[in-house]
Amino acid sequence: MPAKPISISKLKDSCEDVSALLRALSHPGRLLVLDHLLQGEKTVSELQELCGISQSQLSQFLGRMKLEGLVACEKKGRFCYYRTASPKVSRLITAINSIYCK
């Protein structure tokens, strides 16, 4: 049985969502942070060491990615642990890795 065609308005909404997500991912530093978060939760210090970027730049990246729904954080004791916020983001980063990072 053929798949039911998607409505134009639903397709347009999906395109808007994907476009916003791709804009949010459009910096190499943010992609690098998300790639490391695929391996599990990380603190700012761990991410800073892994990514080799300044603490101030990393804080800017994490703040923006949190606002855009790419990452979430949970405070445990004195530390905030960051993780990817959505399975869609994780799947997209995994797909990008499989295409470009073989």
C-alpha atoms as a PDB file:
ATOM      1  CA  MET A   1       0.000   0.000   0.000  1.00  0.00           C
ATOM      2  CA  PRO A   2       1.513   3.395  -0.980  1.00  0.00           C
ATOM      3  CA  ALA A   3       2.345   5.882   1.756  1.00  0.00           C
ATOM      4  CA  LYS A   4      -0.177   8.628   2.371  1.00  0.00           C
ATOM      5  CA  PRO A   5       1.111  11.914   0.885  1.00  0.00           C
ATOM      6  CA  ILE A   6       2.158  14.570   3.381  1.00  0.00           C
ATOM      7  CA  SER A   7       0.182  17.817   3.350  1.00  0.00           C
ATOM      8  CA  ILE A   8       1.872  20.944   1.989  1.00  0.00           C
ATOM      9  CA  SER A   9       1.437  22.798   5.296  1.00  0.00           C
ATOM     10  CA  LYS A  10       2.975  19.914   7.289  1.00  0.00           C
ATOM     11  CA  LEU A  11       5.850  19.722   4.807  1.00  0.00           C
ATOM     12  CA  LYS A  12       6.406  23.482   5.086  1.00  0.00           C
ATOM     13  CA  ASP A  13       6.439  23.279   8.901  1.00  0.00           C
ATOM     14  CA  SER A  14       8.942  20.418   8.758  1.00  0.00           C
ATOM     15  CA  CYS A  15      11.174  22.395   6.399  1.00  0.00           C
ATOM     16  CA  GLU A  16      11.108  25.350   8.806  1.00  0.00           C
ATOM     17  CA  ASP A  17      12.079  23.091  11.724  1.00  0.00           C
ATOM     18  CA  VAL A  18      14.920  21.456   9.800  1.00  0.00           C
ATOM     19  CA  SER A  19      16.196  24.817   8.572  1.00  0.00           C
ATOM     20  CA  ALA A  20      16.311  26.190  12.138  1.00  0.00           C
ATOM     21  CA  LEU A  21      18.134  23.073  13.347  1.00  0.00           C
ATOM     22  CA  LEU A  22      20.709  23.267  10.559  1.00  0.00           C
ATOM     23  CA  ARG A  23      21.322  26.964  11.319  1.00  0.00           C
ATOM     24  CA  ALA A  24      21.938  26.056  14.955  1.00  0.00           C
ATOM     25  CA  LEU A  25      24.450  23.407  13.875  1.00  0.00           C
ATOM     26  CA  SER A  26      26.232  25.650  11.390  1.00  0.00           C
ATOM     27  CA  HIS A  27      29.383  26.236  13.426  1.00  0.00           C
ATOM     28  CA  PRO A  28      32.264  23.743  13.609  1.00  0.00           C
ATOM     29  CA  GLY A  29      32.650  24.306  17.355  1.00  0.00           C
ATOM     30  CA  ARG A  30      29.015  23.472  18.078  1.00  0.00           C
ATOM     31  CA  LEU A  31      29.262  20.342  15.939  1.00  0.00           C
ATOM     32  CA  LEU A  32      32.381  19.302  17.841  1.00  0.00           C
ATOM     33  CA  VAL A  33      30.672  19.795  21.208  1.00  0.00           C
ATOM     34  CA  LEU A  34      27.655  17.757  20.104  1.00  0.00           C
ATOM     35  CA  ASP A  35      29.913  15.031  18.749  1.00  0.00           C
ATOM     36  CA  HIS A  36      31.558  14.662  22.166  1.00  0.00           C
ATOM     37  CA  LEU A  37      28.175  14.688  23.895  1.00  0.00           C
ATOM     38  CA  LEU A  38      27.128  11.678  21.812  1.00  0.00           C
ATOM     39  CA  GLN A  39      29.589   9.698  23.942  1.00  0.00           C
ATOM     40  CA  GLY A  40      27.719  10.689  27.127  1.00  0.00           C
ATOM     41  CA  GLU A  41      27.260  13.522  29.588  1.00  0.00           C
ATOM     42  CA  LYS A  42      30.159  15.922  30.028  1.00  0.00           C
ATOM     43  CA  THR A  43      30.998  18.860  32.283  1.00  0.00           C
ATOM     44  CA  VAL A  44      32.157  22.189  30.876  1.00  0.00           C
ATOM     45  CA  SER A  45      35.722  21.347  31.945  1.00  0.00           C
ATOM     46  CA  GLU A  46      35.608  17.995  30.153  1.00  0.00           C
ATOM     47  CA  LEU A  47      34.204  19.586  27.001  1.00  0.00           C
ATOM     48  CA  GLN A  48      36.770  22.365  27.114  1.00  0.00           C
ATOM     49  CA  GLU A  49      39.607  19.836  27.282  1.00  0.00           C
ATOM     50  CA  LEU A  50      38.126  17.612  24.566  1.00  0.00           C
ATOM     51  CA  CYS A  51      37.287  20.450  22.165  1.00  0.00           C
ATOM     52  CA  GLY A  52      40.332  22.630  22.786  1.00  0.00           C
ATOM     53  CA  ILE A  53      38.330  25.858  22.881  1.00  0.00           C
ATOM     54  CA  SER A  54      38.282  28.637  25.452  1.00  0.00           C
ATOM     55  CA  GLN A  55      35.932  28.490  28.402  1.00  0.00           C
ATOM     56  CA  SER A  56      34.197  31.708  27.328  1.00  0.00           C
ATOM     57  CA  GLN A  57      33.577  30.470  23.782  1.00  0.00           C
ATOM     58  CA  LEU A  58      32.354  27.113  25.083  1.00  0.00           C
ATOM     59  CA  SER A  59      29.977  28.875  27.472  1.00  0.00           C
ATOM     60  CA  GLN A  60      28.591  30.891  24.550  1.00  0.00           C
ATOM     61  CA  PHE A  61      28.139  27.713  22.484  1.00  0.00           C
ATOM     62  CA  LEU A  62      26.427  25.865  25.329  1.00  0.00           C
ATOM     63  CA  GLY A  63      24.153  28.805  26.130  1.00  0.00           C
ATOM     64  CA  ARG A  64      23.004  29.124  22.543  1.00  0.00           C
ATOM     65  CA  MET A  65      22.618  25.363  22.089  1.00  0.00           C
ATOM     66  CA  LYS A  66      20.575  25.183  25.287  1.00  0.00           C
ATOM     67  CA  LEU A  67      18.247  27.952  24.083  1.00  0.00           C
ATOM     68  CA  GLU A  68      17.846  26.193  20.743  1.00  0.00           C
ATOM     69  CA  GLY A  69      17.033  22.851  22.354  1.00  0.00           C
ATOM     70  CA  LEU A  70      20.197  21.069  21.220  1.00  0.00           C
ATOM     71  CA  VAL A  71      21.600  20.403  24.688  1.00  0.00           C
ATOM     72  CA  ALA A  72      20.239  20.068  28.186  1.00  0.00           C
ATOM     73  CA  CYS A  73      22.079  20.269  31.462  1.00  0.00           C
ATOM     74  CA  GLU A  74      21.580  18.802  34.872  1.00  0.00           C
ATOM     75  CA  LYS A  75      23.270  20.066  38.007  1.00  0.00           C
ATOM     76  CA  LYS A  76      24.832  17.304  40.102  1.00  0.00           C
ATOM     77  CA  GLY A  77      26.607  18.631  43.146  1.00  0.00           C
ATOM     78  CA  ARG A  78      28.973  21.407  42.072  1.00  0.00           C
ATOM     79  CA  PHE A  79      28.917  20.504  38.371  1.00  0.00           C
ATOM     80  CA  CYS A  80      26.524  20.894  35.461  1.00  0.00           C
ATOM     81  CA  TYR A  81      26.474  17.890  33.157  1.00  0.00           C
ATOM     82  CA  TYR A  82      25.542  18.546  29.541  1.00  0.00           C
ATOM     83  CA  ARG A  83      23.961  16.056  27.160  1.00  0.00           C
ATOM     84  CA  THR A  84      22.190  16.131  23.823  1.00  0.00           C
ATOM     85  CA  ALA A  85      18.599  17.195  24.390  1.00  0.00           C
ATOM     86  CA  SER A  86      16.883  15.305  21.617  1.00  0.00           C
ATOM     87  CA  PRO A  87      17.147  11.904  19.966  1.00  0.00           C
ATOM     88  CA  LYS A  88      16.689  13.705  16.619  1.00  0.00           C
ATOM     89  CA  VAL A  89      19.812  15.786  17.251  1.00  0.00           C
ATOM     90  CA  SER A  90      21.769  12.679  18.254  1.00  0.00           C
ATOM     91  CA  ARG A  91      20.648  10.810  15.139  1.00  0.00           C
ATOM     92  CA  LEU A  92      21.518  13.764  12.906  1.00  0.00           C
ATOM     93  CA  ILE A  93      25.022  14.141  14.391  1.00  0.00           C
ATOM     94  CA  THR A  94      25.522  10.372  14.051  1.00  0.00           C
ATOM     95  CA  ALA A  95      24.456  10.565  10.386  1.00  0.00           C
ATOM     96  CA  ILE A  96      26.810  13.484   9.742  1.00  0.00           C
ATOM     97  CA  ASN A  97      29.636  11.511  11.345  1.00  0.00           C
ATOM     98  CA  SER A  98      28.900   8.446   9.226  1.00  0.00           C
ATOM     99  CA  ILE A  99      29.052  10.522   6.034  1.00  0.00           C
ATOM    100  CA  TYR A 100      31.960  12.870   6.779  1.00  0.00           C
ATOM    101  CA  CYS A 101      34.081  11.240   9.490  1.00  0.00           C
ATOM    102  CA  LYS A 102      34.758   7.741   8.182  1.00  0.00           C
END
